[in-house]
Amino acid sequence: MFKAILFDLDDTLLANPMNAFISAYFKALGKYMAHLIPPERLVVEIMRATQEMEKNDGTGPTNQEAFAAAFYPTVGYEQEILEPIFEQFYTEEFPKLQYLTRSIPEARFLVEWAFEHDLYVVIATNPVFPCVAVEQRLAWAEVPVTEFDYALVTTYENMHATKANPAYYREIVTKLGCGPKECLMAGDDWDRDMMPAATAGIPIYWVTRPDDTLLPIPPMQKIKGGVLVGQGTVESLWDWIGRGGLAV
């Protein structure tokens, strides 16, 4: 029986077209910071610093510290000057991006069910955003931190690796005090949600879109170090849990 369930956020609990969302995010942030840094340069330096975060392997600094070390020295402003402006952006402008997203009714059912059954519930979103940005997207998904006492919400402040690295999933398991096989990872991204989690020994449920081609393999198929217990849309995941899937 599983003790914990790890939910990806974007395109799992929250419908969010990431290409359009990231484009709008950079446009809004570039405009907000344009009085200090040209938008084109800002985007380049953020992407470069994000790549440095992606190199984190769980043994060094937090993702926030890795980003800061790579970003601030290149843009000509001290962290103490720019950080409050970034915080204002997330308070004033980031909420305006909600129109690009859509809540998924089954997402709230899933989270409520997990809490009702005393599972540890983790929001396992790629920790390259600050806590304030993640918490806002959880509110857009109608599963806010004000209503649900999550065991962990991964952000760039509290994690030491990103989702492309199995170290990210090992850090979650360590924080929970569970064994990998006692956790389930549910997410849509095969390369960031499924494969690294499986490599860390965590069973996985692949959340697909209706037009995705499902894998031609049965449930319980071994993938790397973990097990693929199921695949399908968020609605299918809800049905699977209702049929006792978490008891496997």
Protein backbone atom coordinates (compact mmCIF):
# COMPACT_ATOMS: atom_id res chain seq x y z
CA MET A 1 0.00 0.00 0.00
CA PHE A 2 1.31 3.42 -0.88
CA LYS A 3 2.00 5.95 1.86
CA ALA A 4 2.56 8.98 -0.35
CA ILE A 5 1.45 10.35 -3.69
CA LEU A 6 3.46 12.87 -5.67
CA PHE A 7 1.47 15.04 -8.06
CA ASP A 8 3.00 17.03 -10.87
CA LEU A 9 1.29 20.42 -11.19
CA ASP A 10 1.22 21.79 -14.74
CA ASP A 11 -0.83 19.63 -17.12
CA THR A 12 -1.57 17.20 -14.31
CA LEU A 13 -3.47 19.12 -11.63
CA LEU A 14 -3.70 22.31 -13.71
CA ALA A 15 -4.29 22.53 -17.45
CA ASN A 16 -1.51 24.84 -18.54
CA PRO A 17 -0.18 25.12 -22.12
CA MET A 18 3.43 25.56 -21.07
CA ASN A 19 4.82 26.99 -24.31
CA ALA A 20 2.21 29.74 -24.35
CA PHE A 21 2.49 30.24 -20.59
CA ILE A 22 6.27 30.58 -20.56
CA SER A 23 6.16 32.95 -23.54
CA ALA A 24 3.61 35.17 -21.78
CA TYR A 25 5.57 34.92 -18.53
CA PHE A 26 8.79 36.14 -20.13
CA LYS A 27 6.95 38.92 -21.97
CA ALA A 28 5.36 40.16 -18.75
CA LEU A 29 8.58 39.87 -16.74
CA GLY A 30 10.62 41.55 -19.47
CA LYS A 31 8.23 44.48 -19.56
CA TYR A 32 8.23 44.75 -15.76
CA MET A 33 12.05 44.79 -15.55
CA ALA A 34 12.73 46.78 -18.73
CA HIS A 35 13.68 49.94 -16.82
CA LEU A 36 16.70 48.03 -15.48
CA ILE A 37 17.51 45.23 -17.94
CA PRO A 38 16.65 44.98 -21.67
CA PRO A 39 13.99 42.26 -22.06
CA GLU A 40 16.01 40.24 -24.57
CA ARG A 41 19.02 40.14 -22.28
CA LEU A 42 16.86 39.32 -19.24
CA VAL A 43 15.43 36.24 -20.96
CA VAL A 44 18.87 35.06 -22.08
CA GLU A 45 20.33 35.39 -18.58
CA ILE A 46 17.35 33.73 -16.90
CA MET A 47 17.59 30.79 -19.29
CA ARG A 48 21.32 30.50 -18.72
CA ALA A 49 20.90 30.60 -14.94
CA THR A 50 18.10 28.03 -15.20
CA GLN A 51 20.49 25.74 -17.04
CA GLU A 52 22.86 26.09 -14.09
CA MET A 53 20.03 25.04 -11.77
CA GLU A 54 19.50 22.00 -13.97
CA LYS A 55 23.07 20.92 -13.14
CA ASN A 56 22.25 20.58 -9.44
CA ASP A 57 22.59 16.97 -8.30
CA GLY A 58 21.11 17.12 -4.82
CA THR A 59 24.42 17.49 -3.00
CA GLY A 60 25.12 21.20 -3.34
CA PRO A 61 23.24 24.49 -3.02
CA THR A 62 19.51 24.97 -3.27
CA ASN A 63 18.18 25.69 -6.74
CA GLN A 64 17.57 29.28 -5.64
CA GLU A 65 21.21 29.64 -4.59
CA ALA A 66 22.43 28.11 -7.85
CA PHE A 67 20.23 30.47 -9.85
CA ALA A 68 21.37 33.52 -7.88
CA ALA A 69 25.05 32.67 -8.28
CA ALA A 70 24.64 32.38 -12.05
CA PHE A 71 22.20 35.24 -12.66
CA TYR A 72 22.93 38.30 -10.57
CA PRO A 73 26.65 38.73 -11.34
CA THR A 74 25.88 38.87 -15.08
CA VAL A 75 23.18 41.55 -15.10
CA GLY A 76 25.00 44.34 -13.27
CA TYR A 77 22.75 44.57 -10.21
CA GLU A 78 23.12 43.15 -6.73
CA GLN A 79 20.68 40.47 -5.61
CA GLU A 80 19.48 42.76 -2.82
CA ILE A 81 18.33 45.27 -5.44
CA LEU A 82 16.62 42.97 -7.92
CA GLU A 83 15.09 40.37 -5.63
CA PRO A 84 12.43 42.72 -4.15
CA ILE A 85 11.45 43.73 -7.70
CA PHE A 86 11.02 40.09 -8.69
CA GLU A 87 8.86 39.62 -5.58
CA GLN A 88 6.70 42.58 -6.60
CA PHE A 89 6.31 41.09 -10.08
CA TYR A 90 4.98 37.83 -8.64
CA THR A 91 2.55 39.78 -6.49
CA GLU A 92 1.36 42.26 -9.09
CA GLU A 93 1.76 40.74 -12.56
CA PHE A 94 2.12 36.97 -12.31
CA PRO A 95 -1.55 36.51 -11.22
CA LYS A 96 -2.63 38.01 -14.55
CA LEU A 97 -1.37 34.87 -16.32
CA GLN A 98 -4.13 32.77 -14.80
CA TYR A 99 -6.29 33.29 -17.91
CA LEU A 100 -3.99 30.93 -19.80
CA THR A 101 -4.75 28.05 -17.44
CA ARG A 102 -7.78 25.94 -16.59
CA SER A 103 -8.66 24.02 -13.47
CA ILE A 104 -9.36 20.29 -13.77
CA PRO A 105 -12.30 19.10 -11.59
CA GLU A 106 -10.78 15.64 -11.04
CA ALA A 107 -7.62 17.26 -9.68
CA ARG A 108 -9.39 18.44 -6.56
CA PHE A 109 -11.10 15.07 -6.17
CA LEU A 110 -7.68 13.38 -6.29
CA VAL A 111 -6.13 15.67 -3.70
CA GLU A 112 -9.13 15.46 -1.38
CA TRP A 113 -9.17 11.66 -1.66
CA ALA A 114 -5.47 11.43 -0.83
CA PHE A 115 -5.88 13.54 2.31
CA GLU A 116 -8.99 11.64 3.36
CA HIS A 117 -6.94 8.43 3.19
CA ASP A 118 -4.08 9.88 5.26
CA LEU A 119 -1.51 9.81 2.49
CA TYR A 120 1.43 12.16 2.37
CA VAL A 121 0.61 14.49 -0.52
CA VAL A 122 3.47 16.15 -2.38
CA ILE A 123 3.22 18.78 -5.09
CA ALA A 124 6.15 17.62 -7.20
CA THR A 125 6.43 20.48 -9.66
CA ASN A 126 9.73 21.31 -11.30
CA PRO A 127 11.43 23.50 -8.65
CA VAL A 128 12.65 26.30 -10.88
CA PHE A 129 10.03 28.81 -9.67
CA PRO A 130 9.80 30.50 -6.26
CA CYS A 131 7.24 29.40 -3.71
CA VAL A 132 4.92 32.33 -4.43
CA ALA A 133 4.57 31.33 -8.11
CA VAL A 134 3.89 27.68 -7.27
CA GLU A 135 1.32 28.55 -4.62
CA GLN A 136 -0.52 30.83 -7.04
CA ARG A 137 -0.75 28.04 -9.62
CA LEU A 138 -2.06 25.69 -6.94
CA ALA A 139 -4.79 28.24 -6.21
CA TRP A 140 -5.62 28.40 -9.93
CA ALA A 141 -5.92 24.59 -9.85
CA GLU A 142 -8.37 24.98 -6.92
CA VAL A 143 -6.13 22.98 -4.58
CA PRO A 144 -4.54 25.87 -2.64
CA VAL A 145 -2.13 25.61 0.26
CA THR A 146 -4.67 27.53 2.33
CA GLU A 147 -6.97 24.47 2.17
CA PHE A 148 -4.52 21.57 1.97
CA ASP A 149 -1.62 20.93 4.33
CA TYR A 150 0.76 19.35 1.84
CA ALA A 151 3.64 17.28 3.15
CA LEU A 152 5.86 19.11 0.67
CA VAL A 153 5.53 21.61 -2.17
CA THR A 154 8.76 21.61 -4.16
CA THR A 155 10.09 25.06 -5.06
CA TYR A 156 13.46 26.47 -5.95
CA GLU A 157 13.92 27.56 -2.33
CA ASN A 158 13.68 24.08 -0.79
CA MET A 159 15.11 21.68 -3.38
CA HIS A 160 18.66 20.84 -4.46
CA ALA A 161 17.96 19.30 -7.87
CA THR A 162 15.40 19.64 -10.66
CA LYS A 163 13.05 17.05 -12.08
CA ALA A 164 15.35 15.92 -14.87
CA ASN A 165 17.61 14.38 -12.22
CA PRO A 166 16.55 11.33 -10.17
CA ALA A 167 18.21 13.10 -7.22
CA TYR A 168 15.13 15.34 -7.09
CA TYR A 169 12.91 12.36 -6.38
CA ARG A 170 15.37 10.84 -3.94
CA GLU A 171 15.35 14.12 -2.00
CA ILE A 172 11.55 14.02 -1.79
CA VAL A 173 11.59 10.44 -0.53
CA THR A 174 14.19 11.36 2.09
CA LYS A 175 12.16 14.36 3.26
CA LEU A 176 9.07 12.18 3.62
CA GLY A 177 10.88 9.37 5.42
CA CYS A 178 9.30 6.80 3.10
CA GLY A 179 10.77 4.15 0.88
CA PRO A 180 10.61 4.79 -2.89
CA LYS A 181 8.21 1.90 -3.42
CA GLU A 182 5.84 3.43 -0.86
CA CYS A 183 5.36 6.48 -3.10
CA LEU A 184 3.54 7.02 -6.39
CA MET A 185 4.49 9.71 -8.89
CA ALA A 186 1.69 10.97 -11.17
CA GLY A 187 2.70 13.30 -13.96
CA ASP A 188 2.43 14.06 -17.66
CA ASP A 189 6.05 14.57 -18.72
CA TRP A 190 7.71 11.28 -19.62
CA ASP A 191 11.24 12.69 -19.47
CA ARG A 192 10.89 14.73 -16.27
CA ASP A 193 8.11 13.02 -14.34
CA MET A 194 8.24 9.38 -15.34
CA MET A 195 11.77 8.29 -16.18
CA PRO A 196 13.67 10.06 -13.36
CA ALA A 197 11.09 8.98 -10.76
CA ALA A 198 11.27 5.39 -12.00
CA THR A 199 15.06 5.53 -11.92
CA ALA A 200 14.78 6.56 -8.27
CA GLY A 201 12.68 3.41 -7.69
CA ILE A 202 9.30 5.16 -7.44
CA PRO A 203 6.23 3.57 -9.10
CA ILE A 204 4.76 5.85 -11.75
CA TYR A 205 1.39 6.71 -13.32
CA TRP A 206 1.69 8.47 -16.66
CA VAL A 207 -0.93 11.20 -17.07
CA THR A 208 -1.65 11.49 -20.78
CA ARG A 209 -3.69 13.72 -23.03
CA PRO A 210 -6.65 12.26 -24.89
CA ASP A 211 -4.66 12.36 -28.15
CA ASP A 212 -1.51 10.71 -26.72
CA THR A 213 -0.56 7.26 -27.93
CA LEU A 214 -0.49 4.98 -24.90
CA LEU A 215 2.43 2.68 -24.38
CA PRO A 216 1.86 -0.83 -25.75
CA ILE A 217 2.67 -2.41 -22.43
CA PRO A 218 0.52 -3.74 -19.59
CA PRO A 219 0.28 -2.19 -16.11
CA MET A 220 3.00 -3.18 -13.66
CA GLN A 221 5.60 -3.08 -16.45
CA LYS A 222 9.07 -2.38 -15.04
CA ILE A 223 10.53 0.93 -16.24
CA LYS A 224 14.14 1.56 -15.20
CA GLY A 225 14.15 1.02 -11.42
CA GLY A 226 10.44 1.59 -10.92
CA VAL A 227 7.13 0.26 -12.14
CA LEU A 228 4.55 1.76 -14.49
CA VAL A 229 1.30 1.03 -12.67
CA GLY A 230 -0.99 2.77 -15.12
CA GLN A 231 -1.49 5.42 -17.78
CA GLY A 232 -4.30 7.63 -18.98
CA THR A 233 -5.87 11.05 -18.53
CA VAL A 234 -6.43 12.71 -15.15
CA GLU A 235 -9.95 11.35 -15.35
CA SER A 236 -8.53 7.86 -15.88
CA LEU A 237 -6.24 8.31 -12.89
CA TRP A 238 -9.25 9.24 -10.76
CA ASP A 239 -11.11 6.17 -11.99
CA TRP A 240 -8.05 3.96 -11.35
CA ILE A 241 -7.75 5.18 -7.76
CA GLY A 242 -11.50 4.69 -7.25
CA ARG A 243 -11.08 1.07 -8.35
CA GLY A 244 -8.42 0.48 -5.70
CA GLY A 245 -5.35 1.20 -7.80
CA LEU A 246 -3.35 2.58 -4.89
CA ALA A 247 -3.63 -0.77 -3.13
CA VAL A 248 -1.31 -2.47 -5.64
